[in-house]
């Protein structure tokens, strides 16, 4: 097996973003969010677990530096909300305050690494509304790869990357993967 293949029969086709390109993209996205949020006084960022969490955290720090005030950030765990994953139990009870802040009447930006079918975002919306009723909800993604199955569109997009159904976008963040890059990989079987 070559260095560019792994045990899951995936072949790396190329690196789409380096660490510095990811950082530049996040700075741009932070400025776009501030601009469209009229300063961000009522703003909160929520990352979809797993790789949406560091994205929300980083954007929150960037926006806080721009606006000279802290920005609430939280994490949504949506595994029990996915309609395309089989679960034996009913949906769990979401405890109020699990995000660390009240979403009621807030402008919430849901953050995720890759937008694909839209099902993860739909599940995140369900989970978010179990916490309360935000004034407005927007979506920020690092990569939009197309292939939507639901009518969901991101307000803030780091990069659009058209892909085939055999291709996969792998986002690697330092906080989770101990490396920082975005790769385009392809199934080899």
C-alpha atoms as a PDB file:
ATOM      1  CA  UNK A   1       0.000   0.000   0.000  1.00  0.00           C
ATOM      2  CA  UNK A   2       1.433   3.361  -1.017  1.00  0.00           C
ATOM      3  CA  UNK A   3       1.883   6.336   1.279  1.00  0.00           C
ATOM      4  CA  UNK A   4      -1.095   8.127  -0.322  1.00  0.00           C
ATOM      5  CA  UNK A   5      -3.496   5.242   0.395  1.00  0.00           C
ATOM      6  CA  UNK A   6      -4.811   4.148   3.752  1.00  0.00           C
ATOM      7  CA  UNK A   7      -6.593   1.114   5.152  1.00  0.00           C
ATOM      8  CA  UNK A   8     -10.019   2.447   4.095  1.00  0.00           C
ATOM      9  CA  UNK A   9      -9.169   2.256   0.387  1.00  0.00           C
ATOM     10  CA  UNK A  10      -8.889   6.006   0.080  1.00  0.00           C
ATOM     11  CA  UNK A  11      -6.386   7.745  -2.168  1.00  0.00           C
ATOM     12  CA  UNK A  12      -5.347  11.332  -1.547  1.00  0.00           C
ATOM     13  CA  UNK A  13      -5.952  13.295  -4.761  1.00  0.00           C
ATOM     14  CA  UNK A  14      -4.643  16.586  -3.474  1.00  0.00           C
ATOM     15  CA  UNK A  15      -4.380  19.134  -0.721  1.00  0.00           C
ATOM     16  CA  UNK A  16      -7.063  21.814  -1.092  1.00  0.00           C
ATOM     17  CA  UNK A  17      -5.989  24.034   1.790  1.00  0.00           C
ATOM     18  CA  UNK A  18      -2.867  24.380   3.920  1.00  0.00           C
ATOM     19  CA  UNK A  19      -2.853  25.585   7.525  1.00  0.00           C
ATOM     20  CA  UNK A  20      -2.160  29.173   6.431  1.00  0.00           C
ATOM     21  CA  UNK A  21      -4.954  29.029   3.816  1.00  0.00           C
ATOM     22  CA  UNK A  22      -7.378  27.758   6.472  1.00  0.00           C
ATOM     23  CA  UNK A  23      -6.351  30.625   8.783  1.00  0.00           C
ATOM     24  CA  UNK A  24      -6.779  33.264   6.041  1.00  0.00           C
ATOM     25  CA  UNK A  25     -10.184  31.818   5.164  1.00  0.00           C
ATOM     26  CA  UNK A  26     -11.323  31.930   8.804  1.00  0.00           C
ATOM     27  CA  UNK A  27     -10.228  35.573   9.103  1.00  0.00           C
ATOM     28  CA  UNK A  28     -12.283  36.403   5.988  1.00  0.00           C
ATOM     29  CA  UNK A  29     -15.301  34.466   7.306  1.00  0.00           C
ATOM     30  CA  UNK A  30     -15.067  36.230  10.688  1.00  0.00           C
ATOM     31  CA  UNK A  31     -15.137  39.623   8.958  1.00  0.00           C
ATOM     32  CA  UNK A  32     -18.115  38.548   6.790  1.00  0.00           C
ATOM     33  CA  UNK A  33     -20.022  37.381   9.868  1.00  0.00           C
ATOM     34  CA  UNK A  34     -19.338  40.670  11.695  1.00  0.00           C
ATOM     35  CA  UNK A  35     -20.368  42.684   8.635  1.00  0.00           C
ATOM     36  CA  UNK A  36     -23.646  40.802   8.096  1.00  0.00           C
ATOM     37  CA  UNK A  37     -24.405  40.769  11.829  1.00  0.00           C
ATOM     38  CA  UNK A  38     -24.027  44.545  12.243  1.00  0.00           C
ATOM     39  CA  UNK A  39     -21.266  44.160  14.770  1.00  0.00           C
ATOM     40  CA  UNK A  40     -22.242  40.933  16.439  1.00  0.00           C
ATOM     41  CA  UNK A  41     -23.662  42.260  19.715  1.00  0.00           C
ATOM     42  CA  UNK A  42     -26.386  39.568  19.758  1.00  0.00           C
ATOM     43  CA  UNK A  43     -24.210  36.949  18.025  1.00  0.00           C
ATOM     44  CA  UNK A  44     -23.504  33.384  19.154  1.00  0.00           C
ATOM     45  CA  UNK A  45     -21.613  30.631  17.330  1.00  0.00           C
ATOM     46  CA  UNK A  46     -22.479  26.949  17.635  1.00  0.00           C
ATOM     47  CA  UNK A  47     -20.214  24.244  16.236  1.00  0.00           C
ATOM     48  CA  UNK A  48     -21.560  20.882  15.155  1.00  0.00           C
ATOM     49  CA  UNK A  49     -19.607  18.180  16.949  1.00  0.00           C
ATOM     50  CA  UNK A  50     -16.910  17.141  15.906  1.00  0.00           C
ATOM     51  CA  UNK A  51     -15.026  19.403  13.516  1.00  0.00           C
ATOM     52  CA  UNK A  52     -17.552  22.223  13.628  1.00  0.00           C
ATOM     53  CA  UNK A  53     -16.585  22.812  17.268  1.00  0.00           C
ATOM     54  CA  UNK A  54     -13.019  24.057  16.676  1.00  0.00           C
ATOM     55  CA  UNK A  55     -14.318  26.064  13.708  1.00  0.00           C
ATOM     56  CA  UNK A  56     -16.865  27.881  15.927  1.00  0.00           C
ATOM     57  CA  UNK A  57     -14.266  28.379  18.672  1.00  0.00           C
ATOM     58  CA  UNK A  58     -11.701  29.885  16.294  1.00  0.00           C
ATOM     59  CA  UNK A  59     -14.257  32.120  14.579  1.00  0.00           C
ATOM     60  CA  UNK A  60     -15.492  33.245  18.007  1.00  0.00           C
ATOM     61  CA  UNK A  61     -11.959  34.296  19.007  1.00  0.00           C
ATOM     62  CA  UNK A  62     -11.417  36.129  15.704  1.00  0.00           C
ATOM     63  CA  UNK A  63     -14.768  37.950  15.969  1.00  0.00           C
ATOM     64  CA  UNK A  64     -14.072  38.820  19.626  1.00  0.00           C
ATOM     65  CA  UNK A  65     -10.757  40.387  18.572  1.00  0.00           C
ATOM     66  CA  UNK A  66     -12.455  42.366  15.778  1.00  0.00           C
ATOM     67  CA  UNK A  67     -15.339  43.538  17.974  1.00  0.00           C
ATOM     68  CA  UNK A  68     -13.358  43.918  21.231  1.00  0.00           C
ATOM     69  CA  UNK A  69     -15.967  41.900  23.152  1.00  0.00           C
ATOM     70  CA  UNK A  70     -16.410  38.187  23.895  1.00  0.00           C
ATOM     71  CA  UNK A  71     -18.606  36.048  21.645  1.00  0.00           C
ATOM     72  CA  UNK A  72     -20.595  33.110  23.033  1.00  0.00           C
ATOM     73  CA  UNK A  73     -19.649  29.780  21.476  1.00  0.00           C
ATOM     74  CA  UNK A  74     -21.055  26.329  22.067  1.00  0.00           C
ATOM     75  CA  UNK A  75     -21.160  22.799  20.658  1.00  0.00           C
ATOM     76  CA  UNK A  76     -24.116  20.784  19.366  1.00  0.00           C
ATOM     77  CA  UNK A  77     -23.940  16.981  19.475  1.00  0.00           C
ATOM     78  CA  UNK A  78     -26.393  15.880  16.789  1.00  0.00           C
ATOM     79  CA  UNK A  79     -25.762  12.132  16.602  1.00  0.00           C
ATOM     80  CA  UNK A  80     -29.233  11.278  17.953  1.00  0.00           C
ATOM     81  CA  UNK A  81     -30.942  13.729  15.599  1.00  0.00           C
ATOM     82  CA  UNK A  82     -29.669  12.289  12.323  1.00  0.00           C
ATOM     83  CA  UNK A  83     -32.496  10.819  10.254  1.00  0.00           C
ATOM     84  CA  UNK A  84     -30.108   8.716   8.203  1.00  0.00           C
ATOM     85  CA  UNK A  85     -28.467   6.925  11.141  1.00  0.00           C
ATOM     86  CA  UNK A  86     -30.374   4.095  12.766  1.00  0.00           C
ATOM     87  CA  UNK A  87     -30.854   4.405  16.514  1.00  0.00           C
ATOM     88  CA  UNK A  88     -32.644   1.987  18.788  1.00  0.00           C
ATOM     89  CA  UNK A  89     -33.745   4.589  21.313  1.00  0.00           C
ATOM     90  CA  UNK A  90     -35.927   7.655  20.993  1.00  0.00           C
ATOM     91  CA  UNK A  91     -34.360  11.095  20.806  1.00  0.00           C
ATOM     92  CA  UNK A  92     -32.594  12.069  24.005  1.00  0.00           C
ATOM     93  CA  UNK A  93     -33.789  14.836  26.265  1.00  0.00           C
ATOM     94  CA  UNK A  94     -31.623  17.876  25.656  1.00  0.00           C
ATOM     95  CA  UNK A  95     -30.807  19.626  28.912  1.00  0.00           C
ATOM     96  CA  UNK A  96     -31.220  23.424  28.906  1.00  0.00           C
ATOM     97  CA  UNK A  97     -27.935  25.248  29.193  1.00  0.00           C
ATOM     98  CA  UNK A  98     -25.954  22.464  27.545  1.00  0.00           C
ATOM     99  CA  UNK A  99     -24.660  25.059  25.056  1.00  0.00           C
ATOM    100  CA  UNK A 100     -23.416  27.299  27.847  1.00  0.00           C
ATOM    101  CA  UNK A 101     -25.628  30.222  26.833  1.00  0.00           C
ATOM    102  CA  UNK A 102     -29.284  30.975  26.090  1.00  0.00           C
ATOM    103  CA  UNK A 103     -30.158  30.954  22.353  1.00  0.00           C
ATOM    104  CA  UNK A 104     -33.507  32.684  22.883  1.00  0.00           C
ATOM    105  CA  UNK A 105     -33.703  35.748  20.617  1.00  0.00           C
ATOM    106  CA  UNK A 106     -30.040  35.453  19.566  1.00  0.00           C
ATOM    107  CA  UNK A 107     -28.449  35.540  16.114  1.00  0.00           C
ATOM    108  CA  UNK A 108     -26.911  32.072  15.942  1.00  0.00           C
ATOM    109  CA  UNK A 109     -24.370  30.941  13.358  1.00  0.00           C
ATOM    110  CA  UNK A 110     -24.124  27.163  13.100  1.00  0.00           C
ATOM    111  CA  UNK A 111     -20.591  26.133  12.079  1.00  0.00           C
ATOM    112  CA  UNK A 112     -19.482  22.919  10.366  1.00  0.00           C
ATOM    113  CA  UNK A 113     -16.452  21.818   8.414  1.00  0.00           C
ATOM    114  CA  UNK A 114     -18.142  20.430   5.271  1.00  0.00           C
ATOM    115  CA  UNK A 115     -21.610  20.949   3.797  1.00  0.00           C
ATOM    116  CA  UNK A 116     -22.642  17.954   1.703  1.00  0.00           C
ATOM    117  CA  UNK A 117     -26.201  16.534   1.676  1.00  0.00           C
ATOM    118  CA  UNK A 118     -27.579  18.976   4.262  1.00  0.00           C
ATOM    119  CA  UNK A 119     -28.750  16.231   6.625  1.00  0.00           C
ATOM    120  CA  UNK A 120     -26.249  17.112   9.355  1.00  0.00           C
ATOM    121  CA  UNK A 121     -27.400  20.734   9.272  1.00  0.00           C
ATOM    122  CA  UNK A 122     -31.068  19.710   9.410  1.00  0.00           C
ATOM    123  CA  UNK A 123     -30.279  17.629  12.494  1.00  0.00           C
ATOM    124  CA  UNK A 124     -28.351  20.550  14.003  1.00  0.00           C
ATOM    125  CA  UNK A 125     -31.375  22.814  13.506  1.00  0.00           C
ATOM    126  CA  UNK A 126     -33.556  20.301  15.359  1.00  0.00           C
ATOM    127  CA  UNK A 127     -31.031  20.137  18.204  1.00  0.00           C
ATOM    128  CA  UNK A 128     -30.624  23.924  18.324  1.00  0.00           C
ATOM    129  CA  UNK A 129     -34.369  24.578  18.534  1.00  0.00           C
ATOM    130  CA  UNK A 130     -34.582  22.139  21.449  1.00  0.00           C
ATOM    131  CA  UNK A 131     -32.499  24.773  23.306  1.00  0.00           C
ATOM    132  CA  UNK A 132     -34.860  27.665  22.487  1.00  0.00           C
ATOM    133  CA  UNK A 133     -35.932  29.949  19.681  1.00  0.00           C
ATOM    134  CA  UNK A 134     -33.139  32.044  18.150  1.00  0.00           C
ATOM    135  CA  UNK A 135     -34.018  35.284  16.352  1.00  0.00           C
ATOM    136  CA  UNK A 136     -32.044  34.214  13.287  1.00  0.00           C
ATOM    137  CA  UNK A 137     -29.993  31.151  12.321  1.00  0.00           C
ATOM    138  CA  UNK A 138     -27.278  31.194   9.682  1.00  0.00           C
ATOM    139  CA  UNK A 139     -24.811  28.565   8.508  1.00  0.00           C
ATOM    140  CA  UNK A 140     -21.038  28.872   8.137  1.00  0.00           C
ATOM    141  CA  UNK A 141     -18.999  26.087   6.531  1.00  0.00           C
ATOM    142  CA  UNK A 142     -15.349  25.794   5.644  1.00  0.00           C
ATOM    143  CA  UNK A 143     -16.105  23.710   2.511  1.00  0.00           C
ATOM    144  CA  UNK A 144     -19.304  23.405   0.454  1.00  0.00           C
ATOM    145  CA  UNK A 145     -18.993  20.357  -1.788  1.00  0.00           C
ATOM    146  CA  UNK A 146     -22.481  20.345  -3.337  1.00  0.00           C
ATOM    147  CA  UNK A 147     -24.693  17.232  -3.721  1.00  0.00           C
ATOM    148  CA  UNK A 148     -27.496  18.617  -1.552  1.00  0.00           C
ATOM    149  CA  UNK A 149     -30.414  16.326  -0.679  1.00  0.00           C
ATOM    150  CA  UNK A 150     -32.225  19.012   1.315  1.00  0.00           C
ATOM    151  CA  UNK A 151     -32.869  22.703   0.529  1.00  0.00           C
ATOM    152  CA  UNK A 152     -30.076  23.980   2.783  1.00  0.00           C
ATOM    153  CA  UNK A 153     -27.588  26.668   1.813  1.00  0.00           C
ATOM    154  CA  UNK A 154     -24.708  28.186   3.774  1.00  0.00           C
ATOM    155  CA  UNK A 155     -24.664  31.943   4.398  1.00  0.00           C
ATOM    156  CA  UNK A 156     -20.879  31.906   4.823  1.00  0.00           C
ATOM    157  CA  UNK A 157     -18.673  29.590   2.734  1.00  0.00           C
ATOM    158  CA  UNK A 158     -14.911  29.290   3.005  1.00  0.00           C
ATOM    159  CA  UNK A 159     -14.542  27.534  -0.324  1.00  0.00           C
ATOM    160  CA  UNK A 160     -16.812  25.819  -2.854  1.00  0.00           C
ATOM    161  CA  UNK A 161     -15.318  22.504  -3.997  1.00  0.00           C
ATOM    162  CA  UNK A 162     -17.401  20.596  -6.565  1.00  0.00           C
ATOM    163  CA  UNK A 163     -16.857  16.875  -6.006  1.00  0.00           C
ATOM    164  CA  UNK A 164     -17.907  13.559  -7.490  1.00  0.00           C
ATOM    165  CA  UNK A 165     -19.787  11.009  -5.409  1.00  0.00           C
ATOM    166  CA  UNK A 166     -16.547   8.958  -5.111  1.00  0.00           C
ATOM    167  CA  UNK A 167     -14.650  11.880  -3.624  1.00  0.00           C
ATOM    168  CA  UNK A 168     -14.490  12.840   0.036  1.00  0.00           C
ATOM    169  CA  UNK A 169     -13.322  16.057   1.668  1.00  0.00           C
ATOM    170  CA  UNK A 170     -11.179  15.468   4.759  1.00  0.00           C
ATOM    171  CA  UNK A 171     -10.778  18.465   7.046  1.00  0.00           C
ATOM    172  CA  UNK A 172      -8.043  18.102   9.635  1.00  0.00           C
ATOM    173  CA  UNK A 173      -7.826  20.553  12.535  1.00  0.00           C
ATOM    174  CA  UNK A 174      -4.907  20.802  14.955  1.00  0.00           C
ATOM    175  CA  UNK A 175      -7.256  20.482  17.958  1.00  0.00           C
ATOM    176  CA  UNK A 176      -8.514  17.060  16.850  1.00  0.00           C
ATOM    177  CA  UNK A 177      -6.043  15.637  14.317  1.00  0.00           C
ATOM    178  CA  UNK A 178      -2.728  17.231  15.406  1.00  0.00           C
ATOM    179  CA  UNK A 179      -2.371  18.488  11.838  1.00  0.00           C
ATOM    180  CA  UNK A 180      -3.994  21.261   9.832  1.00  0.00           C
ATOM    181  CA  UNK A 181      -5.126  20.836   6.211  1.00  0.00           C
ATOM    182  CA  UNK A 182      -8.019  20.075   3.886  1.00  0.00           C
ATOM    183  CA  UNK A 183      -7.599  17.076   1.596  1.00  0.00           C
ATOM    184  CA  UNK A 184      -9.522  15.756  -1.389  1.00  0.00           C
ATOM    185  CA  UNK A 185      -9.540  11.963  -1.252  1.00  0.00           C
ATOM    186  CA  UNK A 186     -11.166   9.361  -3.459  1.00  0.00           C
ATOM    187  CA  UNK A 187     -12.465   5.856  -2.809  1.00  0.00           C
ATOM    188  CA  UNK A 188     -10.344   3.374  -4.726  1.00  0.00           C
ATOM    189  CA  UNK A 189     -12.789   0.461  -4.779  1.00  0.00           C
END
